[in-house]
All heavy atoms as atom14 arrays in JSON, in Angstrom:
{
  "sequence": "SDLDPARQAALVATVEEEGEERIVAVARLARSEEDP",
  "atom14_mask": [
    [1, 1, 1, 1, 1, 1, 0, 0, 0, 0, 0, 0, 0, 0],
    [1, 1, 1, 1, 1, 1, 1, 1, 0, 0, 0, 0, 0, 0],
    [1, 1, 1, 1, 1, 1, 1, 1, 0, 0, 0, 0, 0, 0],
    [1, 1, 1, 1, 1, 1, 1, 1, 0, 0, 0, 0, 0, 0],
    [1, 1, 1, 1, 1, 1, 1, 0, 0, 0, 0, 0, 0, 0],
    [1, 1, 1, 1, 1, 0, 0, 0, 0, 0, 0, 0, 0, 0],
    [1, 1, 1, 1, 1, 1, 1, 1, 1, 1, 1, 0, 0, 0],
    [1, 1, 1, 1, 1, 1, 1, 1, 1, 0, 0, 0, 0, 0],
    [1, 1, 1, 1, 1, 0, 0, 0, 0, 0, 0, 0, 0, 0],
    [1, 1, 1, 1, 1, 0, 0, 0, 0, 0, 0, 0, 0, 0],
    [1, 1, 1, 1, 1, 1, 1, 1, 0, 0, 0, 0, 0, 0],
    [1, 1, 1, 1, 1, 1, 1, 0, 0, 0, 0, 0, 0, 0],
    [1, 1, 1, 1, 1, 0, 0, 0, 0, 0, 0, 0, 0, 0],
    [1, 1, 1, 1, 1, 1, 1, 0, 0, 0, 0, 0, 0, 0],
    [1, 1, 1, 1, 1, 1, 1, 0, 0, 0, 0, 0, 0, 0],
    [1, 1, 1, 1, 1, 1, 1, 1, 1, 0, 0, 0, 0, 0],
    [1, 1, 1, 1, 1, 1, 1, 1, 1, 0, 0, 0, 0, 0],
    [1, 1, 1, 1, 1, 1, 1, 1, 1, 0, 0, 0, 0, 0],
    [1, 1, 1, 1, 0, 0, 0, 0, 0, 0, 0, 0, 0, 0],
    [1, 1, 1, 1, 1, 1, 1, 1, 1, 0, 0, 0, 0, 0],
    [1, 1, 1, 1, 1, 1, 1, 1, 1, 0, 0, 0, 0, 0],
    [1, 1, 1, 1, 1, 1, 1, 1, 1, 1, 1, 0, 0, 0],
    [1, 1, 1, 1, 1, 1, 1, 1, 0, 0, 0, 0, 0, 0],
    [1, 1, 1, 1, 1, 1, 1, 0, 0, 0, 0, 0, 0, 0],
    [1, 1, 1, 1, 1, 0, 0, 0, 0, 0, 0, 0, 0, 0],
    [1, 1, 1, 1, 1, 1, 1, 0, 0, 0, 0, 0, 0, 0],
    [1, 1, 1, 1, 1, 0, 0, 0, 0, 0, 0, 0, 0, 0],
    [1, 1, 1, 1, 1, 1, 1, 1, 1, 1, 1, 0, 0, 0],
    [1, 1, 1, 1, 1, 1, 1, 1, 0, 0, 0, 0, 0, 0],
    [1, 1, 1, 1, 1, 0, 0, 0, 0, 0, 0, 0, 0, 0],
    [1, 1, 1, 1, 1, 1, 1, 1, 1, 1, 1, 0, 0, 0],
    [1, 1, 1, 1, 1, 1, 0, 0, 0, 0, 0, 0, 0, 0],
    [1, 1, 1, 1, 1, 1, 1, 1, 1, 0, 0, 0, 0, 0],
    [1, 1, 1, 1, 1, 1, 1, 1, 1, 0, 0, 0, 0, 0],
    [1, 1, 1, 1, 1, 1, 1, 1, 0, 0, 0, 0, 0, 0],
    [1, 1, 1, 1, 1, 1, 1, 0, 0, 0, 0, 0, 0, 0]
  ],
  "atom14_positions": [
    [[0.81, -1.22, 0.0], [0.0, 0.0, 0.0], [0.84, 1.27, 0.0], [0.32, 2.36, -0.24], [-0.95, 0.01, 1.2], [-0.22, -0.02, 2.41], [0.0, 0.0, 0.0], [0.0, 0.0, 0.0], [0.0, 0.0, 0.0], [0.0, 0.0, 0.0], [0.0, 0.0, 0.0], [0.0, 0.0, 0.0], [0.0, 0.0, 0.0], [0.0, 0.0, 0.0]],
    [[2.13, 1.16, 0.24], [3.01, 2.33, 0.27], [3.94, 2.24, -0.94], [4.98, 1.59, -0.9], [3.82, 2.35, 1.57], [4.55, 3.66, 1.76], [4.28, 4.63, 1.01], [5.41, 3.72, 2.66], [0.0, 0.0, 0.0], [0.0, 0.0, 0.0], [0.0, 0.0, 0.0], [0.0, 0.0, 0.0], [0.0, 0.0, 0.0], [0.0, 0.0, 0.0]],
    [[3.54, 2.88, -2.03], [4.18, 2.67, -3.32], [5.17, 3.76, -3.69], [5.04, 4.91, -3.27], [3.1, 2.62, -4.41], [1.98, 1.61, -4.21], [1.01, 1.67, -5.37], [2.52, 0.21, -4.04], [0.0, 0.0, 0.0], [0.0, 0.0, 0.0], [0.0, 0.0, 0.0], [0.0, 0.0, 0.0], [0.0, 0.0, 0.0], [0.0, 0.0, 0.0]],
    [[6.12, 3.38, -4.53], [7.03, 4.32, -5.18], [6.33, 4.72, -6.48], [6.26, 3.92, -7.41], [8.36, 3.64, -5.46], [9.29, 4.48, -6.32], [8.91, 5.6, -6.73], [10.4, 3.99, -6.61], [0.0, 0.0, 0.0], [0.0, 0.0, 0.0], [0.0, 0.0, 0.0], [0.0, 0.0, 0.0], [0.0, 0.0, 0.0], [0.0, 0.0, 0.0]],
    [[5.8, 5.95, -6.59], [5.0, 6.32, -7.76], [5.76, 6.29, -9.1], [5.14, 6.23, -10.15], [4.5, 7.73, -7.44], [5.36, 8.22, -6.33], [5.92, 7.03, -5.63], [0.0, 0.0, 0.0], [0.0, 0.0, 0.0], [0.0, 0.0, 0.0], [0.0, 0.0, 0.0], [0.0, 0.0, 0.0], [0.0, 0.0, 0.0], [0.0, 0.0, 0.0]],
    [[7.08, 6.3, -9.06], [7.84, 6.21, -10.31], [7.86, 4.78, -10.84], [8.04, 4.56, -12.03], [9.27, 6.7, -10.09], [0.0, 0.0, 0.0], [0.0, 0.0, 0.0], [0.0, 0.0, 0.0], [0.0, 0.0, 0.0], [0.0, 0.0, 0.0], [0.0, 0.0, 0.0], [0.0, 0.0, 0.0], [0.0, 0.0, 0.0], [0.0, 0.0, 0.0]],
    [[7.67, 3.82, -9.95], [7.77, 2.4, -10.33], [6.47, 1.62, -10.18], [6.31, 0.58, -10.79], [8.82, 1.71, -9.45], [10.23, 2.06, -9.71], [11.19, 1.1, -9.0], [10.88, -0.29, -9.29], [10.34, -1.15, -8.41], [10.06, -0.78, -7.19], [10.11, -2.4, -8.76], [0.0, 0.0, 0.0], [0.0, 0.0, 0.0], [0.0, 0.0, 0.0]],
    [[5.59, 2.06, -9.31], [4.43, 1.25, -8.96], [3.15, 2.07, -8.99], [3.16, 3.28, -8.78], [4.59, 0.68, -7.54], [5.85, -0.13, -7.34], [6.16, -0.34, -5.88], [6.25, 0.61, -5.11], [6.32, -1.6, -5.5], [0.0, 0.0, 0.0], [0.0, 0.0, 0.0], [0.0, 0.0, 0.0], [0.0, 0.0, 0.0], [0.0, 0.0, 0.0]],
    [[2.05, 1.35, -9.2], [0.73, 1.95, -9.1], [-0.25, 0.86, -8.69], [-0.05, -0.32, -9.02], [0.3, 2.57, -10.43], [0.0, 0.0, 0.0], [0.0, 0.0, 0.0], [0.0, 0.0, 0.0], [0.0, 0.0, 0.0], [0.0, 0.0, 0.0], [0.0, 0.0, 0.0], [0.0, 0.0, 0.0], [0.0, 0.0, 0.0], [0.0, 0.0, 0.0]],
    [[-1.27, 1.25, -7.98], [-2.31, 0.28, -7.61], [-3.63, 1.04, -7.45], [-3.67, 2.17, -6.96], [-1.96, -0.44, -6.32], [0.0, 0.0, 0.0], [0.0, 0.0, 0.0], [0.0, 0.0, 0.0], [0.0, 0.0, 0.0], [0.0, 0.0, 0.0], [0.0, 0.0, 0.0], [0.0, 0.0, 0.0], [0.0, 0.0, 0.0], [0.0, 0.0, 0.0]],
    [[-4.67, 0.37, -7.89], [-6.03, 0.89, -7.74], [-6.8, -0.07, -6.85], [-6.61, -1.28, -6.92], [-6.72, 0.98, -9.1], [-6.01, 1.81, -10.16], [-6.71, 1.65, -11.51], [-5.98, 3.27, -9.75], [0.0, 0.0, 0.0], [0.0, 0.0, 0.0], [0.0, 0.0, 0.0], [0.0, 0.0, 0.0], [0.0, 0.0, 0.0], [0.0, 0.0, 0.0]],
    [[-7.69, 0.5, -6.03], [-8.57, -0.33, -5.2], [-10.01, 0.01, -5.52], [-10.35, 1.16, -5.8], [-8.29, -0.14, -3.7], [-6.92, -0.68, -3.32], [-8.43, 1.31, -3.26], [0.0, 0.0, 0.0], [0.0, 0.0, 0.0], [0.0, 0.0, 0.0], [0.0, 0.0, 0.0], [0.0, 0.0, 0.0], [0.0, 0.0, 0.0], [0.0, 0.0, 0.0]],
    [[-10.83, -1.02, -5.51], [-12.29, -0.84, -5.61], [-12.83, -1.05, -4.21], [-12.5, -2.05, -3.56], [-12.9, -1.85, -6.58], [0.0, 0.0, 0.0], [0.0, 0.0, 0.0], [0.0, 0.0, 0.0], [0.0, 0.0, 0.0], [0.0, 0.0, 0.0], [0.0, 0.0, 0.0], [0.0, 0.0, 0.0], [0.0, 0.0, 0.0], [0.0, 0.0, 0.0]],
    [[-13.62, -0.1, -3.74], [-14.11, -0.16, -2.37], [-15.63, -0.07, -2.33], [-16.27, 0.44, -3.26], [-13.53, 0.98, -1.51], [-14.02, 2.24, -1.99], [-12.0, 0.98, -1.53], [0.0, 0.0, 0.0], [0.0, 0.0, 0.0], [0.0, 0.0, 0.0], [0.0, 0.0, 0.0], [0.0, 0.0, 0.0], [0.0, 0.0, 0.0], [0.0, 0.0, 0.0]],
    [[-16.17, -0.56, -1.22], [-17.59, -0.44, -0.92], [-17.73, -0.11, 0.56], [-16.79, -0.29, 1.33], [-18.37, -1.74, -1.24], [-18.33, -2.06, -2.73], [-17.87, -2.91, -0.41], [0.0, 0.0, 0.0], [0.0, 0.0, 0.0], [0.0, 0.0, 0.0], [0.0, 0.0, 0.0], [0.0, 0.0, 0.0], [0.0, 0.0, 0.0], [0.0, 0.0, 0.0]],
    [[-18.9, 0.34, 0.93], [-19.21, 0.57, 2.34], [-19.94, -0.66, 2.85], [-20.98, -1.04, 2.29], [-20.09, 1.82, 2.48], [-20.53, 2.11, 3.87], [-19.68, 3.17, 4.55], [-18.82, 3.77, 3.88], [-19.89, 3.39, 5.74], [0.0, 0.0, 0.0], [0.0, 0.0, 0.0], [0.0, 0.0, 0.0], [0.0, 0.0, 0.0], [0.0, 0.0, 0.0]],
    [[-19.39, -1.3, 3.86], [-20.02, -2.46, 4.49], [-19.93, -2.32, 6.0], [-18.84, -2.05, 6.51], [-19.33, -3.77, 4.08], [-19.54, -4.17, 2.65], [-18.81, -5.45, 2.28], [-17.83, -5.83, 2.96], [-19.23, -6.08, 1.3], [0.0, 0.0, 0.0], [0.0, 0.0, 0.0], [0.0, 0.0, 0.0], [0.0, 0.0, 0.0], [0.0, 0.0, 0.0]],
    [[-21.04, -2.5, 6.66], [-21.07, -2.45, 8.12], [-20.43, -1.16, 8.64], [-19.71, -1.15, 9.63], [-20.38, -3.68, 8.72], [-21.03, -4.98, 8.28], [-20.17, -6.2, 8.6], [-19.1, -6.06, 9.23], [-20.6, -7.3, 8.22], [0.0, 0.0, 0.0], [0.0, 0.0, 0.0], [0.0, 0.0, 0.0], [0.0, 0.0, 0.0], [0.0, 0.0, 0.0]],
    [[-20.69, -0.07, 7.92], [-20.19, 1.24, 8.34], [-18.71, 1.46, 8.09], [-18.15, 2.44, 8.57], [0.0, 0.0, 0.0], [0.0, 0.0, 0.0], [0.0, 0.0, 0.0], [0.0, 0.0, 0.0], [0.0, 0.0, 0.0], [0.0, 0.0, 0.0], [0.0, 0.0, 0.0], [0.0, 0.0, 0.0], [0.0, 0.0, 0.0], [0.0, 0.0, 0.0]],
    [[-18.05, 0.56, 7.34], [-16.62, 0.69, 7.07], [-16.35, 0.58, 5.58], [-17.06, -0.11, 4.86], [-15.84, -0.42, 7.77], [-15.86, -0.32, 9.27], [-14.93, -1.35, 9.9], [-13.85, -1.6, 9.32], [-15.29, -1.87, 10.96], [0.0, 0.0, 0.0], [0.0, 0.0, 0.0], [0.0, 0.0, 0.0], [0.0, 0.0, 0.0], [0.0, 0.0, 0.0]],
    [[-15.3, 1.28, 5.14], [-14.85, 1.13, 3.77], [-14.06, -0.17, 3.67], [-13.14, -0.42, 4.44], [-13.95, 2.31, 3.38], [-13.46, 2.24, 1.95], [-12.49, 3.34, 1.6], [-11.69, 3.76, 2.48], [-12.51, 3.79, 0.45], [0.0, 0.0, 0.0], [0.0, 0.0, 0.0], [0.0, 0.0, 0.0], [0.0, 0.0, 0.0], [0.0, 0.0, 0.0]],
    [[-14.45, -1.02, 2.72], [-13.77, -2.3, 2.51], [-13.3, -2.39, 1.06], [-14.01, -1.96, 0.14], [-14.69, -3.47, 2.79], [-15.14, -3.56, 4.22], [-15.58, -4.96, 4.55], [-16.33, -5.04, 5.79], [-15.8, -5.05, 7.0], [-14.51, -4.99, 7.15], [-16.57, -5.13, 8.07], [0.0, 0.0, 0.0], [0.0, 0.0, 0.0], [0.0, 0.0, 0.0]],
    [[-12.14, -2.96, 0.86], [-11.62, -3.19, -0.48], [-12.19, -4.49, -1.02], [-12.17, -5.51, -0.33], [-10.08, -3.24, -0.48], [-9.5, -1.88, -0.07], [-9.54, -3.67, -1.84], [-7.99, -1.86, 0.11], [0.0, 0.0, 0.0], [0.0, 0.0, 0.0], [0.0, 0.0, 0.0], [0.0, 0.0, 0.0], [0.0, 0.0, 0.0], [0.0, 0.0, 0.0]],
    [[-12.72, -4.44, -2.25], [-13.26, -5.64, -2.89], [-12.45, -6.05, -4.13], [-12.67, -7.14, -4.67], [-14.75, -5.5, -3.24], [-15.58, -5.33, -1.96], [-15.0, -4.34, -4.2], [0.0, 0.0, 0.0], [0.0, 0.0, 0.0], [0.0, 0.0, 0.0], [0.0, 0.0, 0.0], [0.0, 0.0, 0.0], [0.0, 0.0, 0.0], [0.0, 0.0, 0.0]],
    [[-11.53, -5.2, -4.58], [-10.68, -5.55, -5.71], [-9.43, -4.67, -5.68], [-9.48, -3.52, -5.21], [-11.41, -5.37, -7.04], [0.0, 0.0, 0.0], [0.0, 0.0, 0.0], [0.0, 0.0, 0.0], [0.0, 0.0, 0.0], [0.0, 0.0, 0.0], [0.0, 0.0, 0.0], [0.0, 0.0, 0.0], [0.0, 0.0, 0.0], [0.0, 0.0, 0.0]],
    [[-8.34, -5.23, -6.2], [-7.08, -4.51, -6.32], [-6.49, -4.82, -7.69], [-6.49, -5.98, -8.12], [-6.06, -4.93, -5.23], [-4.76, -4.14, -5.38], [-6.63, -4.77, -3.84], [0.0, 0.0, 0.0], [0.0, 0.0, 0.0], [0.0, 0.0, 0.0], [0.0, 0.0, 0.0], [0.0, 0.0, 0.0], [0.0, 0.0, 0.0], [0.0, 0.0, 0.0]],
    [[-6.0, -3.79, -8.35], [-5.24, -3.95, -9.6], [-3.93, -3.2, -9.41], [-3.95, -2.04, -8.99], [-6.02, -3.39, -10.78], [0.0, 0.0, 0.0], [0.0, 0.0, 0.0], [0.0, 0.0, 0.0], [0.0, 0.0, 0.0], [0.0, 0.0, 0.0], [0.0, 0.0, 0.0], [0.0, 0.0, 0.0], [0.0, 0.0, 0.0], [0.0, 0.0, 0.0]],
    [[-2.83, -3.87, -9.68], [-1.54, -3.23, -9.42], [-0.55, -3.52, -10.52], [-0.71, -4.47, -11.28], [-0.98, -3.68, -8.08], [-0.58, -5.11, -7.98], [0.06, -5.48, -6.64], [-0.64, -4.97, -5.48], [-0.29, -3.88, -4.78], [0.77, -3.2, -5.1], [-1.01, -3.48, -3.76], [0.0, 0.0, 0.0], [0.0, 0.0, 0.0], [0.0, 0.0, 0.0]],
    [[0.47, -2.66, -10.58], [1.58, -2.88, -11.5], [2.86, -2.41, -10.83], [2.85, -1.54, -9.97], [1.36, -2.19, -12.85], [1.25, -0.66, -12.9], [2.61, 0.02, -12.86], [0.51, -0.24, -14.15], [0.0, 0.0, 0.0], [0.0, 0.0, 0.0], [0.0, 0.0, 0.0], [0.0, 0.0, 0.0], [0.0, 0.0, 0.0], [0.0, 0.0, 0.0]],
    [[3.96, -3.03, -11.25], [5.29, -2.65, -10.79], [6.22, -2.68, -11.99], [6.39, -3.71, -12.63], [5.78, -3.6, -9.7], [0.0, 0.0, 0.0], [0.0, 0.0, 0.0], [0.0, 0.0, 0.0], [0.0, 0.0, 0.0], [0.0, 0.0, 0.0], [0.0, 0.0, 0.0], [0.0, 0.0, 0.0], [0.0, 0.0, 0.0], [0.0, 0.0, 0.0]],
    [[6.8, -1.53, -12.29], [7.69, -1.38, -13.45], [8.92, -2.28, -13.27], [9.5, -2.37, -12.19], [8.12, 0.07, -13.58], [8.91, 0.38, -14.83], [9.46, 1.79, -14.84], [8.47, 2.82, -14.69], [7.8, 3.41, -15.69], [8.01, 3.03, -16.93], [6.93, 4.36, -15.45], [0.0, 0.0, 0.0], [0.0, 0.0, 0.0], [0.0, 0.0, 0.0]],
    [[9.3, -2.91, -14.35], [10.49, -3.75, -14.36], [11.73, -2.88, -14.22], [11.83, -1.83, -14.85], [10.55, -4.54, -15.68], [11.82, -5.1, -15.87], [0.0, 0.0, 0.0], [0.0, 0.0, 0.0], [0.0, 0.0, 0.0], [0.0, 0.0, 0.0], [0.0, 0.0, 0.0], [0.0, 0.0, 0.0], [0.0, 0.0, 0.0], [0.0, 0.0, 0.0]],
    [[12.68, -3.33, -13.42], [13.94, -2.58, -13.29], [14.8, -2.76, -14.53], [15.55, -1.87, -14.89], [14.67, -3.02, -12.03], [13.94, -2.6, -10.78], [14.69, -2.93, -9.51], [15.92, -3.1, -9.57], [14.03, -3.01, -8.47], [0.0, 0.0, 0.0], [0.0, 0.0, 0.0], [0.0, 0.0, 0.0], [0.0, 0.0, 0.0], [0.0, 0.0, 0.0]],
    [[14.69, -3.92, -15.21], [15.49, -4.18, -16.39], [14.94, -3.48, -17.63], [15.69, -3.09, -18.52], [15.56, -5.69, -16.68], [16.3, -6.5, -15.63], [15.42, -6.86, -14.45], [14.19, -7.06, -14.63], [15.95, -6.92, -13.34], [0.0, 0.0, 0.0], [0.0, 0.0, 0.0], [0.0, 0.0, 0.0], [0.0, 0.0, 0.0], [0.0, 0.0, 0.0]],
    [[13.62, -3.37, -17.71], [12.98, -2.79, -18.9], [11.89, -1.83, -18.45], [10.8, -2.24, -18.1], [12.39, -3.89, -19.78], [11.74, -3.35, -21.04], [11.68, -2.11, -21.21], [11.29, -4.16, -21.86], [0.0, 0.0, 0.0], [0.0, 0.0, 0.0], [0.0, 0.0, 0.0], [0.0, 0.0, 0.0], [0.0, 0.0, 0.0], [0.0, 0.0, 0.0]],
    [[12.16, -0.52, -18.43], [11.19, 0.45, -17.91], [9.89, 0.53, -18.72], [8.91, 1.1, -18.26], [11.93, 1.78, -17.94], [13.22, 1.54, -18.58], [13.41, 0.09, -18.81], [0.0, 0.0, 0.0], [0.0, 0.0, 0.0], [0.0, 0.0, 0.0], [0.0, 0.0, 0.0], [0.0, 0.0, 0.0], [0.0, 0.0, 0.0], [0.0, 0.0, 0.0]]
  ]
}
């Protein structure tokens, strides 16, 4: 959850359940060090 924005990105899909924000999906990427 603590990303380096030059190398990584992640999106979360959230919903409200039982009065709390909950994540129901995650999509992420991490740039290759060998091939940017």
